[in-house]
Amino acid sequence: MFSLRPEQIDALARDHREKFVDRVGAHLAQHFPDAAALPWSELRAGVVAQVAKATEYGLEHEHEQATYVTAAWLLGGGFDSRMAAVNATLSSVQLTAEEKREWLEEFTGEVLSRLEKK
């Protein structure tokens, strides 16, 4: 049996995070032409920044973070501070991270649906 040193575990975790950021960036570029038009480094930096924001709200799992990043892309950076309902929900200590993710997904869909009707 072997054991990993802490620095090895840290390196594996960093590699996993980097691959996650790349996957989310690729997802945005695949589904949103304006994301695809950005230089990869700029798109990737935006994903990193939004993943950090998601983490601040307790969204730690990839699905939760990917939902947050997508919402930020669709609603605009800083959407969490501009929209009182978003800020209140994501800051809630009463809700689990999964409940926050579900709410954010529904909220984003509702906002986009209302905008389409205009």
PDB file of N, CA and C in Angstrom:
ATOM      1  N   MET A   1       0.852  -1.173   0.000  1.00  0.00           N
ATOM      2  CA  MET A   1       0.000   0.000   0.000  1.00  0.00           C
ATOM      3  C   MET A   1       0.899   1.238   0.000  1.00  0.00           C
ATOM      4  N   PHE A   2       0.420   2.286  -0.613  1.00  0.00           N
ATOM      5  CA  PHE A   2       1.185   3.526  -0.668  1.00  0.00           C
ATOM      6  C   PHE A   2       0.314   4.650  -0.096  1.00  0.00           C
ATOM      7  N   SER A   3       0.965   5.733   0.236  1.00  0.00           N
ATOM      8  CA  SER A   3       0.217   6.902   0.720  1.00  0.00           C
ATOM      9  C   SER A   3       0.701   8.130  -0.038  1.00  0.00           C
ATOM     10  N   LEU A   4      -0.212   9.054  -0.182  1.00  0.00           N
ATOM     11  CA  LEU A   4       0.100  10.301  -0.876  1.00  0.00           C
ATOM     12  C   LEU A   4       0.528  11.363   0.127  1.00  0.00           C
ATOM     13  N   ARG A   5       1.515  12.108  -0.254  1.00  0.00           N
ATOM     14  CA  ARG A   5       1.946  13.229   0.574  1.00  0.00           C
ATOM     15  C   ARG A   5       0.980  14.393   0.353  1.00  0.00           C
ATOM     16  N   PRO A   6       0.873  15.289   1.328  1.00  0.00           N
ATOM     17  CA  PRO A   6      -0.048  16.430   1.183  1.00  0.00           C
ATOM     18  C   PRO A   6       0.174  17.235  -0.086  1.00  0.00           C
ATOM     19  N   GLU A   7       1.420  17.424  -0.489  1.00  0.00           N
ATOM     20  CA  GLU A   7       1.683  18.199  -1.705  1.00  0.00           C
ATOM     21  C   GLU A   7       1.199  17.450  -2.955  1.00  0.00           C
ATOM     22  N   GLN A   8       1.215  16.133  -2.915  1.00  0.00           N
ATOM     23  CA  GLN A   8       0.690  15.355  -4.034  1.00  0.00           C
ATOM     24  C   GLN A   8      -0.831  15.490  -4.108  1.00  0.00           C
ATOM     25  N   ILE A   9      -1.473  15.442  -2.961  1.00  0.00           N
ATOM     26  CA  ILE A   9      -2.930  15.610  -2.902  1.00  0.00           C
ATOM     27  C   ILE A   9      -3.305  16.993  -3.406  1.00  0.00           C
ATOM     28  N   ASP A  10      -2.552  18.013  -2.989  1.00  0.00           N
ATOM     29  CA  ASP A  10      -2.805  19.380  -3.454  1.00  0.00           C
ATOM     30  C   ASP A  10      -2.649  19.485  -4.975  1.00  0.00           C
ATOM     31  N   ALA A  11      -1.628  18.841  -5.507  1.00  0.00           N
ATOM     32  CA  ALA A  11      -1.391  18.881  -6.960  1.00  0.00           C
ATOM     33  C   ALA A  11      -2.530  18.191  -7.703  1.00  0.00           C
ATOM     34  N   LEU A  12      -3.008  17.085  -7.196  1.00  0.00           N
ATOM     35  CA  LEU A  12      -4.139  16.391  -7.823  1.00  0.00           C
ATOM     36  C   LEU A  12      -5.401  17.242  -7.758  1.00  0.00           C
ATOM     37  N   ALA A  13      -5.624  17.903  -6.631  1.00  0.00           N
ATOM     38  CA  ALA A  13      -6.804  18.766  -6.488  1.00  0.00           C
ATOM     39  C   ALA A  13      -6.730  19.941  -7.448  1.00  0.00           C
ATOM     40  N   ARG A  14      -5.553  20.547  -7.582  1.00  0.00           N
ATOM     41  CA  ARG A  14      -5.369  21.656  -8.529  1.00  0.00           C
ATOM     42  C   ARG A  14      -5.645  21.207  -9.952  1.00  0.00           C
ATOM     43  N   ASP A  15      -5.133  20.060 -10.302  1.00  0.00           N
ATOM     44  CA  ASP A  15      -5.337  19.519 -11.642  1.00  0.00           C
ATOM     45  C   ASP A  15      -6.828  19.276 -11.888  1.00  0.00           C
ATOM     46  N   HIS A  16      -7.515  18.741 -10.911  1.00  0.00           N
ATOM     47  CA  HIS A  16      -8.955  18.498 -11.033  1.00  0.00           C
ATOM     48  C   HIS A  16      -9.710  19.809 -11.230  1.00  0.00           C
ATOM     49  N   ARG A  17      -9.371  20.842 -10.445  1.00  0.00           N
ATOM     50  CA  ARG A  17     -10.017  22.158 -10.579  1.00  0.00           C
ATOM     51  C   ARG A  17      -9.746  22.759 -11.954  1.00  0.00           C
ATOM     52  N   GLU A  18      -8.511  22.646 -12.420  1.00  0.00           N
ATOM     53  CA  GLU A  18      -8.151  23.195 -13.734  1.00  0.00           C
ATOM     54  C   GLU A  18      -8.965  22.526 -14.835  1.00  0.00           C
ATOM     55  N   LYS A  19      -9.103  21.225 -14.748  1.00  0.00           N
ATOM     56  CA  LYS A  19      -9.886  20.497 -15.760  1.00  0.00           C
ATOM     57  C   LYS A  19     -11.359  20.882 -15.689  1.00  0.00           C
ATOM     58  N   PHE A  20     -11.869  21.098 -14.482  1.00  0.00           N
ATOM     59  CA  PHE A  20     -13.258  21.530 -14.322  1.00  0.00           C
ATOM     60  C   PHE A  20     -13.461  22.898 -14.973  1.00  0.00           C
ATOM     61  N   VAL A  21     -12.581  23.832 -14.705  1.00  0.00           N
ATOM     62  CA  VAL A  21     -12.675  25.175 -15.301  1.00  0.00           C
ATOM     63  C   VAL A  21     -12.630  25.068 -16.822  1.00  0.00           C
ATOM     64  N   ASP A  22     -11.763  24.234 -17.337  1.00  0.00           N
ATOM     65  CA  ASP A  22     -11.685  24.049 -18.791  1.00  0.00           C
ATOM     66  C   ASP A  22     -12.998  23.483 -19.347  1.00  0.00           C
ATOM     67  N   ARG A  23     -13.583  22.526 -18.651  1.00  0.00           N
ATOM     68  CA  ARG A  23     -14.850  21.937 -19.113  1.00  0.00           C
ATOM     69  C   ARG A  23     -15.980  22.962 -19.110  1.00  0.00           C
ATOM     70  N   VAL A  24     -16.033  23.774 -18.066  1.00  0.00           N
ATOM     71  CA  VAL A  24     -17.088  24.797 -17.993  1.00  0.00           C
ATOM     72  C   VAL A  24     -16.868  25.844 -19.084  1.00  0.00           C
ATOM     73  N   GLY A  25     -15.641  26.264 -19.280  1.00  0.00           N
ATOM     74  CA  GLY A  25     -15.337  27.219 -20.351  1.00  0.00           C
ATOM     75  C   GLY A  25     -15.709  26.657 -21.715  1.00  0.00           C
ATOM     76  N   ALA A  26     -15.396  25.395 -21.947  1.00  0.00           N
ATOM     77  CA  ALA A  26     -15.744  24.756 -23.217  1.00  0.00           C
ATOM     78  C   ALA A  26     -17.260  24.672 -23.392  1.00  0.00           C
ATOM     79  N   HIS A  27     -17.957  24.403 -22.305  1.00  0.00           N
ATOM     80  CA  HIS A  27     -19.427  24.356 -22.346  1.00  0.00           C
ATOM     81  C   HIS A  27     -19.997  25.722 -22.746  1.00  0.00           C
ATOM     82  N   LEU A  28     -19.487  26.770 -22.126  1.00  0.00           N
ATOM     83  CA  LEU A  28     -19.956  28.116 -22.474  1.00  0.00           C
ATOM     84  C   LEU A  28     -19.667  28.425 -23.937  1.00  0.00           C
ATOM     85  N   ALA A  29     -18.459  28.115 -24.382  1.00  0.00           N
ATOM     86  CA  ALA A  29     -18.075  28.396 -25.768  1.00  0.00           C
ATOM     87  C   ALA A  29     -18.917  27.592 -26.754  1.00  0.00           C
ATOM     88  N   GLN A  30     -19.299  26.391 -26.381  1.00  0.00           N
ATOM     89  CA  GLN A  30     -20.096  25.544 -27.264  1.00  0.00           C
ATOM     90  C   GLN A  30     -21.532  26.055 -27.392  1.00  0.00           C
ATOM     91  N   HIS A  31     -22.074  26.588 -26.306  1.00  0.00           N
ATOM     92  CA  HIS A  31     -23.495  26.943 -26.288  1.00  0.00           C
ATOM     93  C   HIS A  31     -23.787  28.432 -26.485  1.00  0.00           C
ATOM     94  N   PHE A  32     -22.782  29.277 -26.343  1.00  0.00           N
ATOM     95  CA  PHE A  32     -23.000  30.712 -26.441  1.00  0.00           C
ATOM     96  C   PHE A  32     -21.970  31.320 -27.390  1.00  0.00           C
ATOM     97  N   PRO A  33     -22.419  31.780 -28.565  1.00  0.00           N
ATOM     98  CA  PRO A  33     -21.484  32.317 -29.552  1.00  0.00           C
ATOM     99  C   PRO A  33     -20.631  33.468 -29.016  1.00  0.00           C
ATOM    100  N   ASP A  34     -21.197  34.297 -28.144  1.00  0.00           N
ATOM    101  CA  ASP A  34     -20.404  35.401 -27.615  1.00  0.00           C
ATOM    102  C   ASP A  34     -19.289  34.901 -26.694  1.00  0.00           C
ATOM    103  N   ALA A  35     -19.498  33.766 -26.053  1.00  0.00           N
ATOM    104  CA  ALA A  35     -18.429  33.170 -25.246  1.00  0.00           C
ATOM    105  C   ALA A  35     -17.349  32.597 -26.165  1.00  0.00           C
ATOM    106  N   ALA A  36     -17.784  31.961 -27.245  1.00  0.00           N
ATOM    107  CA  ALA A  36     -16.833  31.381 -28.200  1.00  0.00           C
ATOM    108  C   ALA A  36     -15.971  32.450 -28.858  1.00  0.00           C
ATOM    109  N   ALA A  37     -16.510  33.660 -28.965  1.00  0.00           N
ATOM    110  CA  ALA A  37     -15.775  34.747 -29.616  1.00  0.00           C
ATOM    111  C   ALA A  37     -14.672  35.326 -28.731  1.00  0.00           C
ATOM    112  N   LEU A  38     -14.721  35.059 -27.444  1.00  0.00           N
ATOM    113  CA  LEU A  38     -13.701  35.588 -26.531  1.00  0.00           C
ATOM    114  C   LEU A  38     -12.399  34.811 -26.650  1.00  0.00           C
ATOM    115  N   PRO A  39     -11.291  35.481 -26.400  1.00  0.00           N
ATOM    116  CA  PRO A  39     -10.037  34.726 -26.292  1.00  0.00           C
ATOM    117  C   PRO A  39     -10.163  33.718 -25.140  1.00  0.00           C
ATOM    118  N   TRP A  40      -9.610  32.525 -25.349  1.00  0.00           N
ATOM    119  CA  TRP A  40      -9.736  31.471 -24.350  1.00  0.00           C
ATOM    120  C   TRP A  40      -9.266  31.937 -22.970  1.00  0.00           C
ATOM    121  N   SER A  41      -8.180  32.664 -22.911  1.00  0.00           N
ATOM    122  CA  SER A  41      -7.648  33.101 -21.607  1.00  0.00           C
ATOM    123  C   SER A  41      -8.639  34.006 -20.883  1.00  0.00           C
ATOM    124  N   GLU A  42      -9.337  34.848 -21.623  1.00  0.00           N
ATOM    125  CA  GLU A  42     -10.321  35.750 -21.023  1.00  0.00           C
ATOM    126  C   GLU A  42     -11.549  34.975 -20.539  1.00  0.00           C
ATOM    127  N   LEU A  43     -12.026  34.061 -21.356  1.00  0.00           N
ATOM    128  CA  LEU A  43     -13.172  33.240 -20.968  1.00  0.00           C
ATOM    129  C   LEU A  43     -12.832  32.408 -19.734  1.00  0.00           C
ATOM    130  N   ARG A  44     -11.673  31.817 -19.751  1.00  0.00           N
ATOM    131  CA  ARG A  44     -11.237  30.970 -18.642  1.00  0.00           C
ATOM    132  C   ARG A  44     -11.095  31.786 -17.346  1.00  0.00           C
ATOM    133  N   ALA A  45     -10.543  32.983 -17.447  1.00  0.00           N
ATOM    134  CA  ALA A  45     -10.398  33.842 -16.266  1.00  0.00           C
ATOM    135  C   ALA A  45     -11.769  34.200 -15.697  1.00  0.00           C
ATOM    136  N   GLY A  46     -12.737  34.424 -16.565  1.00  0.00           N
ATOM    137  CA  GLY A  46     -14.088  34.705 -16.109  1.00  0.00           C
ATOM    138  C   GLY A  46     -14.697  33.525 -15.380  1.00  0.00           C
ATOM    139  N   VAL A  47     -14.455  32.329 -15.897  1.00  0.00           N
ATOM    140  CA  VAL A  47     -14.959  31.123 -15.232  1.00  0.00           C
ATOM    141  C   VAL A  47     -14.319  30.982 -13.857  1.00  0.00           C
ATOM    142  N   VAL A  48     -13.023  31.174 -13.782  1.00  0.00           N
ATOM    143  CA  VAL A  48     -12.316  31.070 -12.495  1.00  0.00           C
ATOM    144  C   VAL A  48     -12.913  32.054 -11.485  1.00  0.00           C
ATOM    145  N   ALA A  49     -13.158  33.286 -11.915  1.00  0.00           N
ATOM    146  CA  ALA A  49     -13.716  34.308 -11.018  1.00  0.00           C
ATOM    147  C   ALA A  49     -15.116  33.925 -10.545  1.00  0.00           C
ATOM    148  N   GLN A  50     -15.934  33.388 -11.454  1.00  0.00           N
ATOM    149  CA  GLN A  50     -17.295  33.024 -11.071  1.00  0.00           C
ATOM    150  C   GLN A  50     -17.328  31.777 -10.200  1.00  0.00           C
ATOM    151  N   VAL A  51     -16.422  30.848 -10.417  1.00  0.00           N
ATOM    152  CA  VAL A  51     -16.329  29.672  -9.543  1.00  0.00           C
ATOM    153  C   VAL A  51     -15.966  30.128  -8.129  1.00  0.00           C
ATOM    154  N   ALA A  52     -15.084  31.100  -8.029  1.00  0.00           N
ATOM    155  CA  ALA A  52     -14.718  31.635  -6.714  1.00  0.00           C
ATOM    156  C   ALA A  52     -15.927  32.262  -6.025  1.00  0.00           C
ATOM    157  N   LYS A  53     -16.735  33.011  -6.788  1.00  0.00           N
ATOM    158  CA  LYS A  53     -17.953  33.612  -6.225  1.00  0.00           C
ATOM    159  C   LYS A  53     -18.920  32.528  -5.773  1.00  0.00           C
ATOM    160  N   ALA A  54     -19.089  31.498  -6.580  1.00  0.00           N
ATOM    161  CA  ALA A  54     -19.986  30.394  -6.229  1.00  0.00           C
ATOM    162  C   ALA A  54     -19.545  29.764  -4.911  1.00  0.00           C
ATOM    163  N   THR A  55     -18.244  29.581  -4.760  1.00  0.00           N
ATOM    164  CA  THR A  55     -17.709  28.984  -3.546  1.00  0.00           C
ATOM    165  C   THR A  55     -18.022  29.848  -2.327  1.00  0.00           C
ATOM    166  N   GLU A  56     -17.971  31.169  -2.492  1.00  0.00           N
ATOM    167  CA  GLU A  56     -18.297  32.077  -1.390  1.00  0.00           C
ATOM    168  C   GLU A  56     -19.725  31.864  -0.895  1.00  0.00           C
ATOM    169  N   TYR A  57     -20.612  31.440  -1.780  1.00  0.00           N
ATOM    170  CA  TYR A  57     -22.005  31.179  -1.415  1.00  0.00           C
ATOM    171  C   TYR A  57     -22.222  29.744  -0.944  1.00  0.00           C
ATOM    172  N   GLY A  58     -21.156  28.990  -0.795  1.00  0.00           N
ATOM    173  CA  GLY A  58     -21.279  27.622  -0.318  1.00  0.00           C
ATOM    174  C   GLY A  58     -21.560  26.609  -1.415  1.00  0.00           C
ATOM    175  N   LEU A  59     -21.473  27.028  -2.652  1.00  0.00           N
ATOM    176  CA  LEU A  59     -21.677  26.118  -3.782  1.00  0.00           C
ATOM    177  C   LEU A  59     -20.332  25.474  -4.094  1.00  0.00           C
ATOM    178  N   GLU A  60     -20.141  24.274  -3.609  1.00  0.00           N
ATOM    179  CA  GLU A  60     -18.820  23.649  -3.687  1.00  0.00           C
ATOM    180  C   GLU A  60     -18.731  22.511  -4.683  1.00  0.00           C
ATOM    181  N   HIS A  61     -19.844  21.905  -5.016  1.00  0.00           N
ATOM    182  CA  HIS A  61     -19.822  20.790  -5.964  1.00  0.00           C
ATOM    183  C   HIS A  61     -19.843  21.325  -7.394  1.00  0.00           C
ATOM    184  N   GLU A  62     -19.307  20.542  -8.295  1.00  0.00           N
ATOM    185  CA  GLU A  62     -19.181  20.985  -9.680  1.00  0.00           C
ATOM    186  C   GLU A  62     -20.519  21.381 -10.299  1.00  0.00           C
ATOM    187  N   HIS A  63     -21.560  20.594 -10.064  1.00  0.00           N
ATOM    188  CA  HIS A  63     -22.865  20.910 -10.653  1.00  0.00           C
ATOM    189  C   HIS A  63     -23.367  22.260 -10.138  1.00  0.00           C
ATOM    190  N   GLU A  64     -23.193  22.509  -8.860  1.00  0.00           N
ATOM    191  CA  GLU A  64     -23.608  23.780  -8.261  1.00  0.00           C
ATOM    192  C   GLU A  64     -22.808  24.938  -8.859  1.00  0.00           C
ATOM    193  N   GLN A  65     -21.516  24.758  -8.966  1.00  0.00           N
ATOM    194  CA  GLN A  65     -20.662  25.810  -9.500  1.00  0.00           C
ATOM    195  C   GLN A  65     -20.923  26.056 -10.978  1.00  0.00           C
ATOM    196  N   ALA A  66     -21.137  24.994 -11.733  1.00  0.00           N
ATOM    197  CA  ALA A  66     -21.427  25.151 -13.159  1.00  0.00           C
ATOM    198  C   ALA A  66     -22.745  25.898 -13.365  1.00  0.00           C
ATOM    199  N   THR A  67     -23.729  25.619 -12.528  1.00  0.00           N
ATOM    200  CA  THR A  67     -25.004  26.339 -12.605  1.00  0.00           C
ATOM    201  C   THR A  67     -24.782  27.817 -12.333  1.00  0.00           C
ATOM    202  N   TYR A  68     -23.992  28.127 -11.317  1.00  0.00           N
ATOM    203  CA  TYR A  68     -23.716  29.518 -10.973  1.00  0.00           C
ATOM    204  C   TYR A  68     -22.990  30.226 -12.122  1.00  0.00           C
ATOM    205  N   VAL A  69     -21.970  29.581 -12.674  1.00  0.00           N
ATOM    206  CA  VAL A  69     -21.200  30.190 -13.763  1.00  0.00           C
ATOM    207  C   VAL A  69     -22.094  30.456 -14.971  1.00  0.00           C
ATOM    208  N   THR A  70     -22.959  29.496 -15.293  1.00  0.00           N
ATOM    209  CA  THR A  70     -23.868  29.673 -16.419  1.00  0.00           C
ATOM    210  C   THR A  70     -24.845  30.812 -16.157  1.00  0.00           C
ATOM    211  N   ALA A  71     -25.378  30.879 -14.939  1.00  0.00           N
ATOM    212  CA  ALA A  71     -26.282  31.979 -14.582  1.00  0.00           C
ATOM    213  C   ALA A  71     -25.557  33.318 -14.701  1.00  0.00           C
ATOM    214  N   ALA A  72     -24.324  33.360 -14.258  1.00  0.00           N
ATOM    215  CA  ALA A  72     -23.541  34.604 -14.357  1.00  0.00           C
ATOM    216  C   ALA A  72     -23.332  34.982 -15.818  1.00  0.00           C
ATOM    217  N   TRP A  73     -23.120  33.990 -16.669  1.00  0.00           N
ATOM    218  CA  TRP A  73     -22.943  34.287 -18.092  1.00  0.00           C
ATOM    219  C   TRP A  73     -24.235  34.857 -18.668  1.00  0.00           C
ATOM    220  N   LEU A  74     -25.349  34.236 -18.330  1.00  0.00           N
ATOM    221  CA  LEU A  74     -26.631  34.637 -18.905  1.00  0.00           C
ATOM    222  C   LEU A  74     -27.177  35.943 -18.321  1.00  0.00           C
ATOM    223  N   LEU A  75     -26.953  36.147 -17.029  1.00  0.00           N
ATOM    224  CA  LEU A  75     -27.527  37.316 -16.348  1.00  0.00           C
ATOM    225  C   LEU A  75     -26.536  38.454 -16.193  1.00  0.00           C
ATOM    226  N   GLY A  76     -25.282  38.200 -16.501  1.00  0.00           N
ATOM    227  CA  GLY A  76     -24.247  39.226 -16.404  1.00  0.00           C
ATOM    228  C   GLY A  76     -23.454  39.115 -15.121  1.00  0.00           C
ATOM    229  N   GLY A  77     -22.173  39.384 -15.229  1.00  0.00           N
ATOM    230  CA  GLY A  77     -21.324  39.376 -14.049  1.00  0.00           C
ATOM    231  C   GLY A  77     -21.855  40.348 -13.014  1.00  0.00           C
ATOM    232  N   GLY A  78     -21.757  39.984 -11.776  1.00  0.00           N
ATOM    233  CA  GLY A  78     -22.283  40.831 -10.708  1.00  0.00           C
ATOM    234  C   GLY A  78     -23.779  40.688 -10.519  1.00  0.00           C
ATOM    235  N   PHE A  79     -24.387  39.722 -11.210  1.00  0.00           N
ATOM    236  CA  PHE A  79     -25.835  39.530 -11.076  1.00  0.00           C
ATOM    237  C   PHE A  79     -26.228  39.256  -9.637  1.00  0.00           C
ATOM    238  N   ASP A  80     -25.345  38.628  -8.900  1.00  0.00           N
ATOM    239  CA  ASP A  80     -25.657  38.274  -7.516  1.00  0.00           C
ATOM    240  C   ASP A  80     -25.759  39.502  -6.618  1.00  0.00           C
ATOM    241  N   SER A  81     -25.077  40.563  -6.937  1.00  0.00           N
ATOM    242  CA  SER A  81     -25.177  41.775  -6.121  1.00  0.00           C
ATOM    243  C   SER A  81     -26.210  42.750  -6.675  1.00  0.00           C
ATOM    244  N   ARG A  82     -26.513  42.667  -7.971  1.00  0.00           N
ATOM    245  CA  ARG A  82     -27.517  43.557  -8.578  1.00  0.00           C
ATOM    246  C   ARG A  82     -28.946  43.102  -8.328  1.00  0.00           C
ATOM    247  N   MET A  83     -29.142  41.825  -8.126  1.00  0.00           N
ATOM    248  CA  MET A  83     -30.489  41.276  -7.974  1.00  0.00           C
ATOM    249  C   MET A  83     -30.691  40.847  -6.526  1.00  0.00           C
ATOM    250  N   ALA A  84     -31.550  41.595  -5.828  1.00  0.00           N
ATOM    251  CA  ALA A  84     -31.749  41.367  -4.392  1.00  0.00           C
ATOM    252  C   ALA A  84     -32.191  39.937  -4.086  1.00  0.00           C
ATOM    253  N   ALA A  85     -33.081  39.395  -4.894  1.00  0.00           N
ATOM    254  CA  ALA A  85     -33.580  38.037  -4.641  1.00  0.00           C
ATOM    255  C   ALA A  85     -32.455  37.016  -4.752  1.00  0.00           C
ATOM    256  N   VAL A  86     -31.569  37.219  -5.706  1.00  0.00           N
ATOM    257  CA  VAL A  86     -30.444  36.303  -5.882  1.00  0.00           C
ATOM    258  C   VAL A  86     -29.521  36.392  -4.676  1.00  0.00           C
ATOM    259  N   ASN A  87     -29.191  37.606  -4.294  1.00  0.00           N
ATOM    260  CA  ASN A  87     -28.293  37.790  -3.157  1.00  0.00           C
ATOM    261  C   ASN A  87     -28.876  37.185  -1.887  1.00  0.00           C
ATOM    262  N   ALA A  88     -30.144  37.430  -1.636  1.00  0.00           N
ATOM    263  CA  ALA A  88     -30.787  36.910  -0.425  1.00  0.00           C
ATOM    264  C   ALA A  88     -30.806  35.385  -0.433  1.00  0.00           C
ATOM    265  N   THR A  89     -31.128  34.807  -1.570  1.00  0.00           N
ATOM    266  CA  THR A  89     -31.210  33.350  -1.642  1.00  0.00           C
ATOM    267  C   THR A  89     -29.841  32.707  -1.508  1.00  0.00           C
ATOM    268  N   LEU A  90     -28.867  33.212  -2.246  1.00  0.00           N
ATOM    269  CA  LEU A  90     -27.544  32.605  -2.191  1.00  0.00           C
ATOM    270  C   LEU A  90     -26.847  32.832  -0.849  1.00  0.00           C
ATOM    271  N   SER A  91     -27.205  33.892  -0.153  1.00  0.00           N
ATOM    272  CA  SER A  91     -26.606  34.185   1.150  1.00  0.00           C
ATOM    273  C   SER A  91     -27.314  33.470   2.297  1.00  0.00           C
ATOM    274  N   SER A  92     -28.453  32.856   2.012  1.00  0.00           N
ATOM    275  CA  SER A  92     -29.249  32.212   3.054  1.00  0.00           C
ATOM    276  C   SER A  92     -28.488  31.081   3.739  1.00  0.00           C
ATOM    277  N   VAL A  93     -28.551  31.066   5.049  1.00  0.00           N
ATOM    278  CA  VAL A  93     -27.961  29.956   5.798  1.00  0.00           C
ATOM    279  C   VAL A  93     -28.995  28.854   6.027  1.00  0.00           C
ATOM    280  N   GLN A  94     -30.230  29.128   5.664  1.00  0.00           N
ATOM    281  CA  GLN A  94     -31.312  28.152   5.833  1.00  0.00           C
ATOM    282  C   GLN A  94     -31.346  27.129   4.695  1.00  0.00           C
ATOM    283  N   LEU A  95     -30.807  27.494   3.535  1.00  0.00           N
ATOM    284  CA  LEU A  95     -30.866  26.636   2.363  1.00  0.00           C
ATOM    285  C   LEU A  95     -29.583  25.835   2.190  1.00  0.00           C
ATOM    286  N   THR A  96     -29.736  24.622   1.702  1.00  0.00           N
ATOM    287  CA  THR A  96     -28.558  23.820   1.364  1.00  0.00           C
ATOM    288  C   THR A  96     -27.996  24.332   0.039  1.00  0.00           C
ATOM    289  N   ALA A  97     -26.795  23.918  -0.257  1.00  0.00           N
ATOM    290  CA  ALA A  97     -26.184  24.305  -1.528  1.00  0.00           C
ATOM    291  C   ALA A  97     -27.015  23.781  -2.696  1.00  0.00           C
ATOM    292  N   GLU A  98     -27.537  22.585  -2.590  1.00  0.00           N
ATOM    293  CA  GLU A  98     -28.350  22.022  -3.673  1.00  0.00           C
ATOM    294  C   GLU A  98     -29.650  22.803  -3.830  1.00  0.00           C
ATOM    295  N   GLU A  99     -30.250  23.235  -2.744  1.00  0.00           N
ATOM    296  CA  GLU A  99     -31.466  24.056  -2.836  1.00  0.00           C
ATOM    297  C   GLU A  99     -31.162  25.397  -3.504  1.00  0.00           C
ATOM    298  N   LYS A 100     -30.026  25.975  -3.170  1.00  0.00           N
ATOM    299  CA  LYS A 100     -29.615  27.223  -3.813  1.00  0.00           C
ATOM    300  C   LYS A 100     -29.419  27.013  -5.309  1.00  0.00           C
ATOM    301  N   ARG A 101     -28.769  25.909  -5.693  1.00  0.00           N
ATOM    302  CA  ARG A 101     -28.539  25.609  -7.096  1.00  0.00           C
ATOM    303  C   ARG A 101     -29.856  25.438  -7.840  1.00  0.00           C
ATOM    304  N   GLU A 102     -30.767  24.685  -7.252  1.00  0.00           N
ATOM    305  CA  GLU A 102     -32.067  24.470  -7.883  1.00  0.00           C
ATOM    306  C   GLU A 102     -32.812  25.792  -8.051  1.00  0.00           C
ATOM    307  N   TRP A 103     -32.801  26.620  -7.010  1.00  0.00           N
ATOM    308  CA  TRP A 103     -33.478  27.911  -7.081  1.00  0.00           C
ATOM    309  C   TRP A 103     -32.856  28.783  -8.172  1.00  0.00           C
ATOM    310  N   LEU A 104     -31.530  28.820  -8.213  1.00  0.00           N
ATOM    311  CA  LEU A 104     -30.833  29.646  -9.198  1.00  0.00           C
ATOM    312  C   LEU A 104     -31.146  29.188 -10.616  1.00  0.00           C
ATOM    313  N   GLU A 105     -31.196  27.900 -10.825  1.00  0.00           N
ATOM    314  CA  GLU A 105     -31.532  27.366 -12.147  1.00  0.00           C
ATOM    315  C   GLU A 105     -32.943  27.781 -12.559  1.00  0.00           C
ATOM    316  N   GLU A 106     -33.885  27.650 -11.645  1.00  0.00           N
ATOM    317  CA  GLU A 106     -35.270  28.043 -11.931  1.00  0.00           C
ATOM    318  C   GLU A 106     -35.382  29.551 -12.150  1.00  0.00           C
ATOM    319  N   PHE A 107     -34.732  30.318 -11.301  1.00  0.00           N
ATOM    320  CA  PHE A 107     -34.768  31.778 -11.406  1.00  0.00           C
ATOM    321  C   PHE A 107     -34.217  32.237 -12.751  1.00  0.00           C
ATOM    322  N   THR A 108     -33.072  31.694 -13.136  1.00  0.00           N
ATOM    323  CA  THR A 108     -32.450  32.076 -14.403  1.00  0.00           C
ATOM    324  C   THR A 108     -33.368  31.738 -15.573  1.00  0.00           C
ATOM    325  N   GLY A 109     -33.959  30.559 -15.537  1.00  0.00           N
ATOM    326  CA  GLY A 109     -34.893  30.165 -16.584  1.00  0.00           C
ATOM    327  C   GLY A 109     -36.092  31.087 -16.658  1.00  0.00           C
ATOM    328  N   GLU A 110     -36.598  31.486 -15.500  1.00  0.00           N
ATOM    329  CA  GLU A 110     -37.751  32.386 -15.460  1.00  0.00           C
ATOM    330  C   GLU A 110     -37.403  33.765 -16.023  1.00  0.00           C
ATOM    331  N   VAL A 111     -36.260  34.290 -15.648  1.00  0.00           N
ATOM    332  CA  VAL A 111     -35.817  35.597 -16.159  1.00  0.00           C
ATOM    333  C   VAL A 111     -35.689  35.535 -17.683  1.00  0.00           C
ATOM    334  N   LEU A 112     -35.045  34.509 -18.186  1.00  0.00           N
ATOM    335  CA  LEU A 112     -34.865  34.388 -19.640  1.00  0.00           C
ATOM    336  C   LEU A 112     -36.194  34.216 -20.353  1.00  0.00           C
ATOM    337  N   SER A 113     -37.099  33.476 -19.766  1.00  0.00           N
ATOM    338  CA  SER A 113     -38.417  33.280 -20.361  1.00  0.00           C
ATOM    339  C   SER A 113     -39.177  34.613 -20.453  1.00  0.00           C
ATOM    340  N   ARG A 114     -39.099  35.390 -19.410  1.00  0.00           N
ATOM    341  CA  ARG A 114     -39.773  36.704 -19.424  1.00  0.00           C
ATOM    342  C   ARG A 114     -39.144  37.644 -20.449  1.00  0.00           C
ATOM    343  N   LEU A 115     -37.839  37.578 -20.590  1.00  0.00           N
ATOM    344  CA  LEU A 115     -37.172  38.425 -21.571  1.00  0.00           C
ATOM    345  C   LEU A 115     -37.529  38.021 -22.994  1.00  0.00           C
ATOM    346  N   GLU A 116     -37.694  36.739 -23.240  1.00  0.00           N
ATOM    347  CA  GLU A 116     -38.084  36.254 -24.571  1.00  0.00           C
ATOM    348  C   GLU A 116     -39.474  36.754 -24.969  1.00  0.00           C
ATOM    349  N   LYS A 117     -40.348  36.908 -23.995  1.00  0.00           N
ATOM    350  CA  LYS A 117     -41.721  37.318 -24.269  1.00  0.00           C
ATOM    351  C   LYS A 117     -41.819  38.794 -24.606  1.00  0.00           C
ATOM    352  N   LYS A 118     -40.797  39.549 -24.281  1.00  0.00           N
ATOM    353  CA  LYS A 118     -40.835  40.993 -24.552  1.00  0.00           C
ATOM    354  C   LYS A 118     -40.538  41.298 -25.979  1.00  0.00           C
TER     355      LYS A 118
END
